[in-house]
C-alpha atoms as a PDB file:
ATOM      1  CA  UNK A   1     220.274-162.134 -81.621  1.00  0.00           C
ATOM      2  CA  UNK A   2     218.288-159.077 -80.630  1.00  0.00           C
ATOM      3  CA  UNK A   3     215.003-160.618 -81.803  1.00  0.00           C
ATOM      4  CA  UNK A   4     215.691-163.843 -79.908  1.00  0.00           C
ATOM      5  CA  UNK A   5     216.161-161.894 -76.712  1.00  0.00           C
ATOM      6  CA  UNK A   6     212.986-159.885 -77.455  1.00  0.00           C
ATOM      7  CA  UNK A   7     210.929-163.061 -77.873  1.00  0.00           C
ATOM      8  CA  UNK A   8     212.443-164.434 -74.662  1.00  0.00           C
ATOM      9  CA  UNK A   9     211.517-161.282 -72.747  1.00  0.00           C
ATOM     10  CA  UNK A  10     207.938-161.362 -74.104  1.00  0.00           C
ATOM     11  CA  UNK A  11     207.578-164.985 -72.979  1.00  0.00           C
ATOM     12  CA  UNK A  12     208.873-164.123 -69.543  1.00  0.00           C
ATOM     13  CA  UNK A  13     206.513-161.134 -69.436  1.00  0.00           C
ATOM     14  CA  UNK A  14     203.541-163.382 -70.177  1.00  0.00           C
ATOM     15  CA  UNK A  15     204.556-165.723 -67.404  1.00  0.00           C
ATOM     16  CA  UNK A  16     205.026-162.680 -65.195  1.00  0.00           C
ATOM     17  CA  UNK A  17     201.457-161.563 -65.715  1.00  0.00           C
ATOM     18  CA  UNK A  18     200.174-164.902 -64.472  1.00  0.00           C
ATOM     19  CA  UNK A  19     202.542-164.919 -61.516  1.00  0.00           C
ATOM     20  CA  UNK A  20     201.745-161.261 -60.744  1.00  0.00           C
ATOM     21  CA  UNK A  21     198.094-162.100 -60.195  1.00  0.00           C
ATOM     22  CA  UNK A  22     199.011-164.666 -57.550  1.00  0.00           C
ATOM     23  CA  UNK A  23     201.960-162.874 -55.906  1.00  0.00           C
ATOM     24  CA  UNK A  24     202.148-159.180 -56.871  1.00  0.00           C
ATOM     25  CA  UNK A  25     204.891-158.261 -54.446  1.00  0.00           C
ATOM     26  CA  UNK A  26     207.252-161.042 -55.423  1.00  0.00           C
ATOM     27  CA  UNK A  27     206.665-160.586 -59.132  1.00  0.00           C
ATOM     28  CA  UNK A  28     207.351-156.887 -58.968  1.00  0.00           C
ATOM     29  CA  UNK A  29     210.782-157.569 -57.427  1.00  0.00           C
ATOM     30  CA  UNK A  30     211.542-160.384 -59.875  1.00  0.00           C
ATOM     31  CA  UNK A  31     210.544-158.221 -62.855  1.00  0.00           C
ATOM     32  CA  UNK A  32     212.765-155.365 -61.723  1.00  0.00           C
ATOM     33  CA  UNK A  33     215.758-157.696 -61.339  1.00  0.00           C
ATOM     34  CA  UNK A  34     215.135-159.220 -64.794  1.00  0.00           C
ATOM     35  CA  UNK A  35     214.805-155.816 -66.430  1.00  0.00           C
ATOM     36  CA  UNK A  36     218.079-154.700 -64.916  1.00  0.00           C
ATOM     37  CA  UNK A  37     219.909-157.785 -66.217  1.00  0.00           C
ATOM     38  CA  UNK A  38     218.512-157.597 -69.770  1.00  0.00           C
ATOM     39  CA  UNK A  39     219.027-153.864 -70.020  1.00  0.00           C
ATOM     40  CA  UNK A  40     222.684-154.352 -69.241  1.00  0.00           C
ATOM     41  CA  UNK A  41     223.032-156.686 -72.280  1.00  0.00           C
ATOM     42  CA  UNK A  42     220.704-154.955 -74.806  1.00  0.00           C
ATOM     43  CA  UNK A  43     220.276-151.254 -74.046  1.00  0.00           C
ATOM     44  CA  UNK A  44     216.927-149.767 -74.987  1.00  0.00           C
ATOM     45  CA  UNK A  45     215.037-153.035 -75.434  1.00  0.00           C
ATOM     46  CA  UNK A  46     213.590-153.075 -71.907  1.00  0.00           C
ATOM     47  CA  UNK A  47     212.071-149.632 -72.421  1.00  0.00           C
ATOM     48  CA  UNK A  48     210.269-150.934 -75.531  1.00  0.00           C
ATOM     49  CA  UNK A  49     209.124-154.101 -73.784  1.00  0.00           C
ATOM     50  CA  UNK A  50     208.000-152.208 -70.697  1.00  0.00           C
ATOM     51  CA  UNK A  51     205.960-149.840 -72.851  1.00  0.00           C
ATOM     52  CA  UNK A  52     204.242-152.703 -74.674  1.00  0.00           C
ATOM     53  CA  UNK A  53     203.635-154.547 -71.462  1.00  0.00           C
ATOM     54  CA  UNK A  54     202.210-151.673 -69.444  1.00  0.00           C
ATOM     55  CA  UNK A  55     200.019-150.351 -72.281  1.00  0.00           C
ATOM     56  CA  UNK A  56     198.330-153.683 -73.013  1.00  0.00           C
ATOM     57  CA  UNK A  57     198.079-155.340 -69.607  1.00  0.00           C
ATOM     58  CA  UNK A  58     195.346-154.329 -67.171  1.00  0.00           C
ATOM     59  CA  UNK A  59     196.467-153.958 -63.567  1.00  0.00           C
ATOM     60  CA  UNK A  60     195.068-156.644 -61.241  1.00  0.00           C
ATOM     61  CA  UNK A  61     192.788-155.810 -58.404  1.00  0.00           C
ATOM     62  CA  UNK A  62     194.908-154.806 -55.427  1.00  0.00           C
ATOM     63  CA  UNK A  63     194.127-155.419 -51.774  1.00  0.00           C
ATOM     64  CA  UNK A  64     194.858-153.287 -48.790  1.00  0.00           C
ATOM     65  CA  UNK A  65     196.520-154.456 -45.637  1.00  0.00           C
ATOM     66  CA  UNK A  66     193.220-155.778 -44.273  1.00  0.00           C
ATOM     67  CA  UNK A  67     192.456-157.855 -47.364  1.00  0.00           C
ATOM     68  CA  UNK A  68     189.782-155.516 -48.769  1.00  0.00           C
ATOM     69  CA  UNK A  69     189.842-154.884 -52.460  1.00  0.00           C
ATOM     70  CA  UNK A  70     190.944-151.436 -53.618  1.00  0.00           C
ATOM     71  CA  UNK A  71     189.415-149.859 -56.762  1.00  0.00           C
ATOM     72  CA  UNK A  72     191.342-150.645 -59.900  1.00  0.00           C
ATOM     73  CA  UNK A  73     193.111-147.892 -61.801  1.00  0.00           C
ATOM     74  CA  UNK A  74     190.585-146.021 -63.935  1.00  0.00           C
ATOM     75  CA  UNK A  75     187.548-147.327 -61.998  1.00  0.00           C
ATOM     76  CA  UNK A  76     184.867-145.099 -60.454  1.00  0.00           C
ATOM     77  CA  UNK A  77     185.677-143.826 -56.995  1.00  0.00           C
ATOM     78  CA  UNK A  78     183.523-145.228 -54.174  1.00  0.00           C
ATOM     79  CA  UNK A  79     180.804-143.166 -52.504  1.00  0.00           C
ATOM     80  CA  UNK A  80     182.240-140.447 -50.299  1.00  0.00           C
ATOM     81  CA  UNK A  81     185.464-140.154 -52.292  1.00  0.00           C
ATOM     82  CA  UNK A  82     186.346-136.792 -53.730  1.00  0.00           C
ATOM     83  CA  UNK A  83     186.466-136.674 -57.561  1.00  0.00           C
ATOM     84  CA  UNK A  84     189.550-135.267 -59.218  1.00  0.00           C
ATOM     85  CA  UNK A  85     189.325-131.480 -59.270  1.00  0.00           C
ATOM     86  CA  UNK A  86     186.665-131.363 -56.518  1.00  0.00           C
ATOM     87  CA  UNK A  87     186.953-130.632 -52.781  1.00  0.00           C
ATOM     88  CA  UNK A  88     185.033-131.880 -49.784  1.00  0.00           C
ATOM     89  CA  UNK A  89     182.899-129.431 -47.830  1.00  0.00           C
ATOM     90  CA  UNK A  90     183.025-129.338 -44.056  1.00  0.00           C
ATOM     91  CA  UNK A  91     180.087-131.743 -43.768  1.00  0.00           C
ATOM     92  CA  UNK A  92     181.724-134.309 -46.064  1.00  0.00           C
ATOM     93  CA  UNK A  93     179.581-133.558 -49.117  1.00  0.00           C
ATOM     94  CA  UNK A  94     181.698-133.321 -52.271  1.00  0.00           C
ATOM     95  CA  UNK A  95     181.458-130.070 -54.191  1.00  0.00           C
ATOM     96  CA  UNK A  96     181.478-129.651 -57.991  1.00  0.00           C
ATOM     97  CA  UNK A  97     184.857-129.626 -59.693  1.00  0.00           C
ATOM     98  CA  UNK A  98     186.308-126.229 -60.495  1.00  0.00           C
ATOM     99  CA  UNK A  99     185.861-124.707 -63.960  1.00  0.00           C
ATOM    100  CA  UNK A 100     189.480-125.468 -64.764  1.00  0.00           C
ATOM    101  CA  UNK A 101     188.949-129.227 -64.215  1.00  0.00           C
ATOM    102  CA  UNK A 102     185.815-129.502 -66.347  1.00  0.00           C
ATOM    103  CA  UNK A 103     185.796-130.608 -69.953  1.00  0.00           C
ATOM    104  CA  UNK A 104     186.049-127.897 -72.597  1.00  0.00           C
ATOM    105  CA  UNK A 105     182.680-126.714 -73.948  1.00  0.00           C
ATOM    106  CA  UNK A 106     181.923-127.589 -77.578  1.00  0.00           C
ATOM    107  CA  UNK A 107     182.842-124.987 -80.182  1.00  0.00           C
ATOM    108  CA  UNK A 108     180.104-122.513 -81.053  1.00  0.00           C
ATOM    109  CA  UNK A 109     178.736-122.944 -84.554  1.00  0.00           C
ATOM    110  CA  UNK A 110     179.892-120.142 -86.850  1.00  0.00           C
ATOM    111  CA  UNK A 111     177.338-117.792 -88.417  1.00  0.00           C
ATOM    112  CA  UNK A 112     177.032-118.279 -92.180  1.00  0.00           C
ATOM    113  CA  UNK A 113     178.678-115.477 -94.132  1.00  0.00           C
ATOM    114  CA  UNK A 114     176.293-113.139 -95.993  1.00  0.00           C
ATOM    115  CA  UNK A 115     176.051-113.590 -99.754  1.00  0.00           C
ATOM    116  CA  UNK A 116     179.004-112.022-101.508  1.00  0.00           C
ATOM    117  CA  UNK A 117     178.573-109.582-104.402  1.00  0.00           C
ATOM    118  CA  UNK A 118     181.083-108.465-106.983  1.00  0.00           C
ATOM    119  CA  UNK A 119     180.595-105.163-108.814  1.00  0.00           C
ATOM    120  CA  UNK A 120     180.887-105.208-112.604  1.00  0.00           C
ATOM    121  CA  UNK A 121     184.445-105.028-113.844  1.00  0.00           C
ATOM    122  CA  UNK A 122     183.440-102.187-116.135  1.00  0.00           C
ATOM    123  CA  UNK A 123     180.551 -99.773-115.579  1.00  0.00           C
ATOM    124  CA  UNK A 124     178.326 -99.876-118.673  1.00  0.00           C
ATOM    125  CA  UNK A 125     177.543 -96.669-120.511  1.00  0.00           C
ATOM    126  CA  UNK A 126     175.837 -95.546-123.686  1.00  0.00           C
ATOM    127  CA  UNK A 127     175.480 -92.210-125.454  1.00  0.00           C
ATOM    128  CA  UNK A 128     172.139 -90.500-124.842  1.00  0.00           C
ATOM    129  CA  UNK A 129     171.118 -93.436-122.590  1.00  0.00           C
ATOM    130  CA  UNK A 130     167.447 -93.471-121.559  1.00  0.00           C
ATOM    131  CA  UNK A 131     166.102 -95.578-118.671  1.00  0.00           C
ATOM    132  CA  UNK A 132     162.429 -96.357-118.079  1.00  0.00           C
ATOM    133  CA  UNK A 133     161.781 -97.413-114.474  1.00  0.00           C
ATOM    134  CA  UNK A 134     158.836 -97.343-112.038  1.00  0.00           C
ATOM    135  CA  UNK A 135     160.324 -94.093-110.702  1.00  0.00           C
ATOM    136  CA  UNK A 136     160.049 -92.454-114.130  1.00  0.00           C
ATOM    137  CA  UNK A 137     162.019 -91.997-117.327  1.00  0.00           C
ATOM    138  CA  UNK A 138     165.614 -90.769-117.109  1.00  0.00           C
ATOM    139  CA  UNK A 139     167.507 -89.361-120.086  1.00  0.00           C
ATOM    140  CA  UNK A 140     171.224 -88.903-120.686  1.00  0.00           C
ATOM    141  CA  UNK A 141     171.919 -91.441-117.948  1.00  0.00           C
ATOM    142  CA  UNK A 142     175.462 -91.834-116.610  1.00  0.00           C
ATOM    143  CA  UNK A 143     176.168 -94.369-113.861  1.00  0.00           C
ATOM    144  CA  UNK A 144     178.011 -92.905-110.876  1.00  0.00           C
ATOM    145  CA  UNK A 145     177.979 -95.828-108.418  1.00  0.00           C
ATOM    146  CA  UNK A 146     176.876 -99.477-108.445  1.00  0.00           C
ATOM    147  CA  UNK A 147     175.952-101.313-105.214  1.00  0.00           C
ATOM    148  CA  UNK A 148     174.493-104.749-104.552  1.00  0.00           C
ATOM    149  CA  UNK A 149     170.924-103.454-104.230  1.00  0.00           C
ATOM    150  CA  UNK A 150     170.919-100.072-105.985  1.00  0.00           C
ATOM    151  CA  UNK A 151     172.610 -97.890-108.573  1.00  0.00           C
ATOM    152  CA  UNK A 152     173.261 -94.144-108.386  1.00  0.00           C
ATOM    153  CA  UNK A 153     172.916 -92.300-111.683  1.00  0.00           C
ATOM    154  CA  UNK A 154     173.419 -88.833-113.078  1.00  0.00           C
ATOM    155  CA  UNK A 155     170.795 -87.805-115.641  1.00  0.00           C
ATOM    156  CA  UNK A 156     169.455 -84.754-117.433  1.00  0.00           C
ATOM    157  CA  UNK A 157     167.463 -83.549-114.425  1.00  0.00           C
ATOM    158  CA  UNK A 158     170.023 -84.294-111.723  1.00  0.00           C
ATOM    159  CA  UNK A 159     170.879 -87.383-109.662  1.00  0.00           C
ATOM    160  CA  UNK A 160     168.802 -90.424-108.671  1.00  0.00           C
ATOM    161  CA  UNK A 161     169.129 -93.723-106.809  1.00  0.00           C
ATOM    162  CA  UNK A 162     167.371 -96.631-108.525  1.00  0.00           C
ATOM    163  CA  UNK A 163     166.760-100.037-106.862  1.00  0.00           C
ATOM    164  CA  UNK A 164     168.391-102.852-108.782  1.00  0.00           C
ATOM    165  CA  UNK A 165     165.133-104.829-108.628  1.00  0.00           C
ATOM    166  CA  UNK A 166     163.406-102.115-110.713  1.00  0.00           C
ATOM    167  CA  UNK A 167     165.849-102.327-113.624  1.00  0.00           C
ATOM    168  CA  UNK A 168     165.232-104.373-116.788  1.00  0.00           C
ATOM    169  CA  UNK A 169     166.703-107.914-116.707  1.00  0.00           C
ATOM    170  CA  UNK A 170     169.366-107.157-119.317  1.00  0.00           C
ATOM    171  CA  UNK A 171     170.640-104.187-117.307  1.00  0.00           C
ATOM    172  CA  UNK A 172     170.517-106.186-114.062  1.00  0.00           C
ATOM    173  CA  UNK A 173     172.754-108.787-115.695  1.00  0.00           C
ATOM    174  CA  UNK A 174     175.250-106.146-116.832  1.00  0.00           C
ATOM    175  CA  UNK A 175     175.392-104.767-113.277  1.00  0.00           C
ATOM    176  CA  UNK A 176     175.889-108.256-111.685  1.00  0.00           C
ATOM    177  CA  UNK A 177     172.550-108.130-109.859  1.00  0.00           C
ATOM    178  CA  UNK A 178     172.188-110.931-107.289  1.00  0.00           C
ATOM    179  CA  UNK A 179     168.817-110.957-105.423  1.00  0.00           C
ATOM    180  CA  UNK A 180     170.288-112.678-102.352  1.00  0.00           C
ATOM    181  CA  UNK A 181     173.163-110.210-102.062  1.00  0.00           C
ATOM    182  CA  UNK A 182     170.764-107.331-102.711  1.00  0.00           C
ATOM    183  CA  UNK A 183     168.482-108.428 -99.873  1.00  0.00           C
ATOM    184  CA  UNK A 184     171.464-108.754 -97.533  1.00  0.00           C
ATOM    185  CA  UNK A 185     172.674-105.264 -98.447  1.00  0.00           C
ATOM    186  CA  UNK A 186     169.188-103.796 -98.094  1.00  0.00           C
ATOM    187  CA  UNK A 187     168.684-105.549 -94.741  1.00  0.00           C
ATOM    188  CA  UNK A 188     171.813-103.811 -93.490  1.00  0.00           C
ATOM    189  CA  UNK A 189     169.975-100.562 -94.221  1.00  0.00           C
ATOM    190  CA  UNK A 190     166.836-101.785 -92.448  1.00  0.00           C
ATOM    191  CA  UNK A 191     164.906-102.926 -95.515  1.00  0.00           C
ATOM    192  CA  UNK A 192     164.329-106.607 -96.300  1.00  0.00           C
ATOM    193  CA  UNK A 193     162.778-106.047 -99.740  1.00  0.00           C
ATOM    194  CA  UNK A 194     166.062-105.442-101.492  1.00  0.00           C
ATOM    195  CA  UNK A 195     165.064-101.973-102.681  1.00  0.00           C
ATOM    196  CA  UNK A 196     166.145 -98.481-101.765  1.00  0.00           C
ATOM    197  CA  UNK A 197     164.889 -97.397 -98.338  1.00  0.00           C
ATOM    198  CA  UNK A 198     162.476 -94.500 -98.421  1.00  0.00           C
ATOM    199  CA  UNK A 199     162.637 -91.961 -95.600  1.00  0.00           C
ATOM    200  CA  UNK A 200     159.560 -92.090 -93.339  1.00  0.00           C
ATOM    201  CA  UNK A 201     157.239 -89.111 -93.582  1.00  0.00           C
ATOM    202  CA  UNK A 202     155.657 -87.446 -90.612  1.00  0.00           C
ATOM    203  CA  UNK A 203     151.965 -88.307 -90.298  1.00  0.00           C
ATOM    204  CA  UNK A 204     149.527 -85.403 -90.460  1.00  0.00           C
ATOM    205  CA  UNK A 205     146.765 -85.078 -87.839  1.00  0.00           C
ATOM    206  CA  UNK A 206     143.376 -86.111 -89.159  1.00  0.00           C
ATOM    207  CA  UNK A 207     141.892 -82.631 -88.668  1.00  0.00           C
ATOM    208  CA  UNK A 208     144.721 -80.889 -90.562  1.00  0.00           C
ATOM    209  CA  UNK A 209     144.049 -80.329 -94.277  1.00  0.00           C
ATOM    210  CA  UNK A 210     146.729 -81.692 -96.591  1.00  0.00           C
ATOM    211  CA  UNK A 211     149.491 -79.214 -97.391  1.00  0.00           C
ATOM    212  CA  UNK A 212     149.502 -77.485-100.743  1.00  0.00           C
ATOM    213  CA  UNK A 213     152.314 -78.835-102.902  1.00  0.00           C
ATOM    214  CA  UNK A 214     153.938 -76.320-105.222  1.00  0.00           C
ATOM    215  CA  UNK A 215     153.953 -77.365-108.870  1.00  0.00           C
ATOM    216  CA  UNK A 216     157.399 -78.034-110.291  1.00  0.00           C
ATOM    217  CA  UNK A 217     158.617 -75.557-112.901  1.00  0.00           C
ATOM    218  CA  UNK A 218     158.496 -77.180-116.349  1.00  0.00           C
ATOM    219  CA  UNK A 219     161.910 -77.820-117.858  1.00  0.00           C
ATOM    220  CA  UNK A 220     162.449 -75.206-120.603  1.00  0.00           C
ATOM    221  CA  UNK A 221     163.105 -76.233-124.182  1.00  0.00           C
ATOM    222  CA  UNK A 222     166.810 -76.671-124.640  1.00  0.00           C
ATOM    223  CA  UNK A 223     168.258 -76.821-128.138  1.00  0.00           C
ATOM    224  CA  UNK A 224     171.167 -79.213-127.993  1.00  0.00           C
ATOM    225  CA  UNK A 225     172.842 -81.269-130.660  1.00  0.00           C
ATOM    226  CA  UNK A 226     175.972 -83.320-131.294  1.00  0.00           C
ATOM    227  CA  UNK A 227     176.256 -82.167-134.939  1.00  0.00           C
ATOM    228  CA  UNK A 228     178.532 -79.164-135.273  1.00  0.00           C
ATOM    229  CA  UNK A 229     177.608 -78.248-138.875  1.00  0.00           C
ATOM    230  CA  UNK A 230     173.884 -78.365-138.119  1.00  0.00           C
ATOM    231  CA  UNK A 231     174.502 -76.080-135.135  1.00  0.00           C
ATOM    232  CA  UNK A 232     176.236 -73.499-137.353  1.00  0.00           C
ATOM    233  CA  UNK A 233     173.296 -73.506-139.780  1.00  0.00           C
ATOM    234  CA  UNK A 234     170.795 -73.081-136.931  1.00  0.00           C
ATOM    235  CA  UNK A 235     172.890 -70.305-135.356  1.00  0.00           C
ATOM    236  CA  UNK A 236     172.863 -68.321-138.599  1.00  0.00           C
ATOM    237  CA  UNK A 237     169.109 -68.784-138.917  1.00  0.00           C
ATOM    238  CA  UNK A 238     168.301 -67.756-135.338  1.00  0.00           C
ATOM    239  CA  UNK A 239     171.061 -65.136-134.947  1.00  0.00           C
ATOM    240  CA  UNK A 240     172.384 -66.979-131.882  1.00  0.00           C
ATOM    241  CA  UNK A 241     175.856 -67.890-130.765  1.00  0.00           C
ATOM    242  CA  UNK A 242     177.203 -71.457-130.669  1.00  0.00           C
ATOM    243  CA  UNK A 243     178.139 -72.946-127.300  1.00  0.00           C
ATOM    244  CA  UNK A 244     180.528 -75.896-127.554  1.00  0.00           C
ATOM    245  CA  UNK A 245     180.433 -78.169-124.489  1.00  0.00           C
ATOM    246  CA  UNK A 246     183.567 -80.359-124.391  1.00  0.00           C
ATOM    247  CA  UNK A 247     183.104 -83.133-121.788  1.00  0.00           C
ATOM    248  CA  UNK A 248     184.239 -86.572-120.640  1.00  0.00           C
ATOM    249  CA  UNK A 249     180.794 -87.627-119.493  1.00  0.00           C
ATOM    250  CA  UNK A 250     181.561 -91.054-118.022  1.00  0.00           C
ATOM    251  CA  UNK A 251     184.948 -90.528-116.350  1.00  0.00           C
ATOM    252  CA  UNK A 252     185.567 -86.804-115.659  1.00  0.00           C
ATOM    253  CA  UNK A 253     184.382 -85.873-112.140  1.00  0.00           C
ATOM    254  CA  UNK A 254     184.230 -82.131-112.845  1.00  0.00           C
ATOM    255  CA  UNK A 255     182.301 -82.785-116.063  1.00  0.00           C
ATOM    256  CA  UNK A 256     179.737 -84.755-114.099  1.00  0.00           C
ATOM    257  CA  UNK A 257     179.420 -81.978-111.534  1.00  0.00           C
ATOM    258  CA  UNK A 258     178.986 -79.367-114.283  1.00  0.00           C
ATOM    259  CA  UNK A 259     176.246 -81.494-115.853  1.00  0.00           C
ATOM    260  CA  UNK A 260     174.518 -82.066-112.521  1.00  0.00           C
ATOM    261  CA  UNK A 261     174.809 -78.575-111.042  1.00  0.00           C
ATOM    262  CA  UNK A 262     174.610 -76.373-114.155  1.00  0.00           C
ATOM    263  CA  UNK A 263     173.755 -77.905-117.525  1.00  0.00           C
ATOM    264  CA  UNK A 264     170.646 -79.731-116.251  1.00  0.00           C
ATOM    265  CA  UNK A 265     169.256 -76.823-114.172  1.00  0.00           C
ATOM    266  CA  UNK A 266     166.314 -74.712-115.345  1.00  0.00           C
ATOM    267  CA  UNK A 267     168.129 -71.428-114.728  1.00  0.00           C
ATOM    268  CA  UNK A 268     170.961 -72.322-117.085  1.00  0.00           C
ATOM    269  CA  UNK A 269     168.737 -74.006-119.668  1.00  0.00           C
ATOM    270  CA  UNK A 270     166.577 -70.878-119.980  1.00  0.00           C
ATOM    271  CA  UNK A 271     169.654 -68.704-120.471  1.00  0.00           C
ATOM    272  CA  UNK A 272     171.243 -71.124-122.957  1.00  0.00           C
ATOM    273  CA  UNK A 273     168.032 -71.491-124.966  1.00  0.00           C
ATOM    274  CA  UNK A 274     167.752 -67.715-125.344  1.00  0.00           C
ATOM    275  CA  UNK A 275     171.339 -67.201-126.471  1.00  0.00           C
ATOM    276  CA  UNK A 276     172.980 -70.345-127.875  1.00  0.00           C
ATOM    277  CA  UNK A 277     172.763 -73.396-130.019  1.00  0.00           C
ATOM    278  CA  UNK A 278     174.528 -75.856-127.741  1.00  0.00           C
ATOM    279  CA  UNK A 279     176.753 -78.612-129.120  1.00  0.00           C
ATOM    280  CA  UNK A 280     177.840 -81.442-126.831  1.00  0.00           C
ATOM    281  CA  UNK A 281     181.232 -82.887-127.794  1.00  0.00           C
ATOM    282  CA  UNK A 282     181.831 -85.983-125.703  1.00  0.00           C
ATOM    283  CA  UNK A 283     185.093 -87.905-125.182  1.00  0.00           C
ATOM    284  CA  UNK A 284     183.986 -91.016-123.257  1.00  0.00           C
ATOM    285  CA  UNK A 285     186.109 -93.895-122.011  1.00  0.00           C
ATOM    286  CA  UNK A 286     183.526 -96.619-121.378  1.00  0.00           C
ATOM    287  CA  UNK A 287     181.380 -96.560-124.508  1.00  0.00           C
ATOM    288  CA  UNK A 288     182.225 -96.063-128.180  1.00  0.00           C
ATOM    289  CA  UNK A 289     181.069 -93.216-130.380  1.00  0.00           C
ATOM    290  CA  UNK A 290     180.275 -93.631-134.025  1.00  0.00           C
ATOM    291  CA  UNK A 291     183.314 -93.161-136.222  1.00  0.00           C
ATOM    292  CA  UNK A 292     181.883 -89.952-137.754  1.00  0.00           C
ATOM    293  CA  UNK A 293     181.082 -88.445-134.366  1.00  0.00           C
ATOM    294  CA  UNK A 294     184.461 -89.360-132.902  1.00  0.00           C
ATOM    295  CA  UNK A 295     186.252 -87.897-135.925  1.00  0.00           C
ATOM    296  CA  UNK A 296     184.241 -84.659-135.632  1.00  0.00           C
ATOM    297  CA  UNK A 297     184.898 -84.268-131.890  1.00  0.00           C
ATOM    298  CA  UNK A 298     188.622 -84.959-132.228  1.00  0.00           C
ATOM    299  CA  UNK A 299     188.924 -82.487-135.083  1.00  0.00           C
ATOM    300  CA  UNK A 300     187.118 -79.712-133.144  1.00  0.00           C
ATOM    301  CA  UNK A 301     189.241 -80.291-130.030  1.00  0.00           C
ATOM    302  CA  UNK A 302     192.355 -79.960-132.157  1.00  0.00           C
ATOM    303  CA  UNK A 303     191.019 -76.983-134.106  1.00  0.00           C
ATOM    304  CA  UNK A 304     190.187 -74.948-130.984  1.00  0.00           C
ATOM    305  CA  UNK A 305     193.065 -76.221-128.853  1.00  0.00           C
ATOM    306  CA  UNK A 306     190.959 -77.916-126.180  1.00  0.00           C
ATOM    307  CA  UNK A 307     193.066 -80.215-123.999  1.00  0.00           C
ATOM    308  CA  UNK A 308     191.089 -80.383-120.747  1.00  0.00           C
ATOM    309  CA  UNK A 309     187.530 -81.079-119.674  1.00  0.00           C
ATOM    310  CA  UNK A 310     185.059 -79.639-119.094  1.00  0.00           C
ATOM    311  CA  UNK A 311     185.437 -76.661-121.438  1.00  0.00           C
ATOM    312  CA  UNK A 312     182.692 -74.277-122.583  1.00  0.00           C
ATOM    313  CA  UNK A 313     183.583 -72.365-125.736  1.00  0.00           C
ATOM    314  CA  UNK A 314     181.460 -69.617-127.351  1.00  0.00           C
ATOM    315  CA  UNK A 315     181.582 -69.038-131.146  1.00  0.00           C
ATOM    316  CA  UNK A 316     179.729 -66.814-133.533  1.00  0.00           C
ATOM    317  CA  UNK A 317     178.047 -68.290-136.589  1.00  0.00           C
ATOM    318  CA  UNK A 318     181.252 -67.730-138.600  1.00  0.00           C
ATOM    319  CA  UNK A 319     183.207 -70.005-136.197  1.00  0.00           C
ATOM    320  CA  UNK A 320     185.093 -67.146-134.567  1.00  0.00           C
ATOM    321  CA  UNK A 321     185.927 -67.886-130.951  1.00  0.00           C
ATOM    322  CA  UNK A 322     184.462 -65.255-128.587  1.00  0.00           C
ATOM    323  CA  UNK A 323     185.638 -66.753-125.289  1.00  0.00           C
ATOM    324  CA  UNK A 324     185.912 -69.898-123.221  1.00  0.00           C
ATOM    325  CA  UNK A 325     185.631 -71.284-119.676  1.00  0.00           C
ATOM    326  CA  UNK A 326     187.961 -74.149-118.753  1.00  0.00           C
ATOM    327  CA  UNK A 327     187.130 -76.390-115.788  1.00  0.00           C
ATOM    328  CA  UNK A 328     184.412 -76.136-113.185  1.00  0.00           C
ATOM    329  CA  UNK A 329     184.463 -75.522-109.436  1.00  0.00           C
ATOM    330  CA  UNK A 330     181.859 -77.853-107.850  1.00  0.00           C
ATOM    331  CA  UNK A 331     179.241 -75.925-105.932  1.00  0.00           C
ATOM    332  CA  UNK A 332     179.471 -72.804-108.118  1.00  0.00           C
ATOM    333  CA  UNK A 333     176.037 -73.378-109.650  1.00  0.00           C
ATOM    334  CA  UNK A 334     174.308 -71.922-112.719  1.00  0.00           C
ATOM    335  CA  UNK A 335     174.605 -68.232-111.784  1.00  0.00           C
ATOM    336  CA  UNK A 336     178.390 -68.320-111.649  1.00  0.00           C
ATOM    337  CA  UNK A 337     178.694 -69.988-115.055  1.00  0.00           C
ATOM    338  CA  UNK A 338     176.120 -67.655-116.620  1.00  0.00           C
ATOM    339  CA  UNK A 339     177.979 -64.594-115.316  1.00  0.00           C
ATOM    340  CA  UNK A 340     181.213 -65.949-116.840  1.00  0.00           C
ATOM    341  CA  UNK A 341     179.553 -66.500-120.247  1.00  0.00           C
ATOM    342  CA  UNK A 342     177.742 -63.169-120.514  1.00  0.00           C
ATOM    343  CA  UNK A 343     180.783 -61.100-121.616  1.00  0.00           C
ATOM    344  CA  UNK A 344     181.169 -63.425-124.640  1.00  0.00           C
ATOM    345  CA  UNK A 345     177.521 -63.116-125.606  1.00  0.00           C
ATOM    346  CA  UNK A 346     177.105 -59.335-125.855  1.00  0.00           C
END
């Protein structure tokens, strides 16, 4: 029954459109009366029909009281009319619509994100690692920090920063080197080459002779071994003491500082060479030792009761302990450590 009434209403609506064009006023009244009657019988249907009707039927051209056509709904306003959102000036000239009435500006295109870089999950390490780079050859290398464009290392002579682009391809791969990410990181430091940024040097006047550069002091010979038994034999031959250096070279912060600030310095190396046969006993986390070396180091740590790192322990050639230094205070330097060792060396 409901669908029959719906079809009837649609038919009447179609007839109404035709009649509305010829007699708008009369049709409007007739339509209102019909809607009221149908709505009383079938609630809700007139709302649906009215929606369909008004959304699909264009309004006819209307006329004013003098018979002139008025602009249809949605048509362009005639000359002199004020657009929506605009106001007329005193001389009748329309002004621009306010900012609130204008269309929204298109969204600004987003800037592409810089290339992402992920550091290696595990920092590589090797015993007695040697690096050959354009900056020189570095021995006993330990990696302190890895960045997208450079790597900071601790080595026998101190600390250095090496550009990733200068490393061998196999090492670049192990450090997750990405040229695009390296260039982005270097550009953030003001360098588009993807290498470490060198500090600018002050230019010398043309008439000024070049300054005299002092020659670096050669690194003294430093007898160091990882073989404890060989060290005892050499100590007996040279009448020197044995200095055991217990360290965690790749994970212990204080061990790294001792290596950087003391063990690699000329002042300490000269003193150690004159008095000791030095044995390095390493307990790394990130690289394996040979089974023989690991067994030796573990046995010596147990034998001498060493439980913390770094520890410097002085023995005579008969393996008698003369004294030890446990730990290191960063910034103390070679002199402080030498002064602490001297009482055990007399």
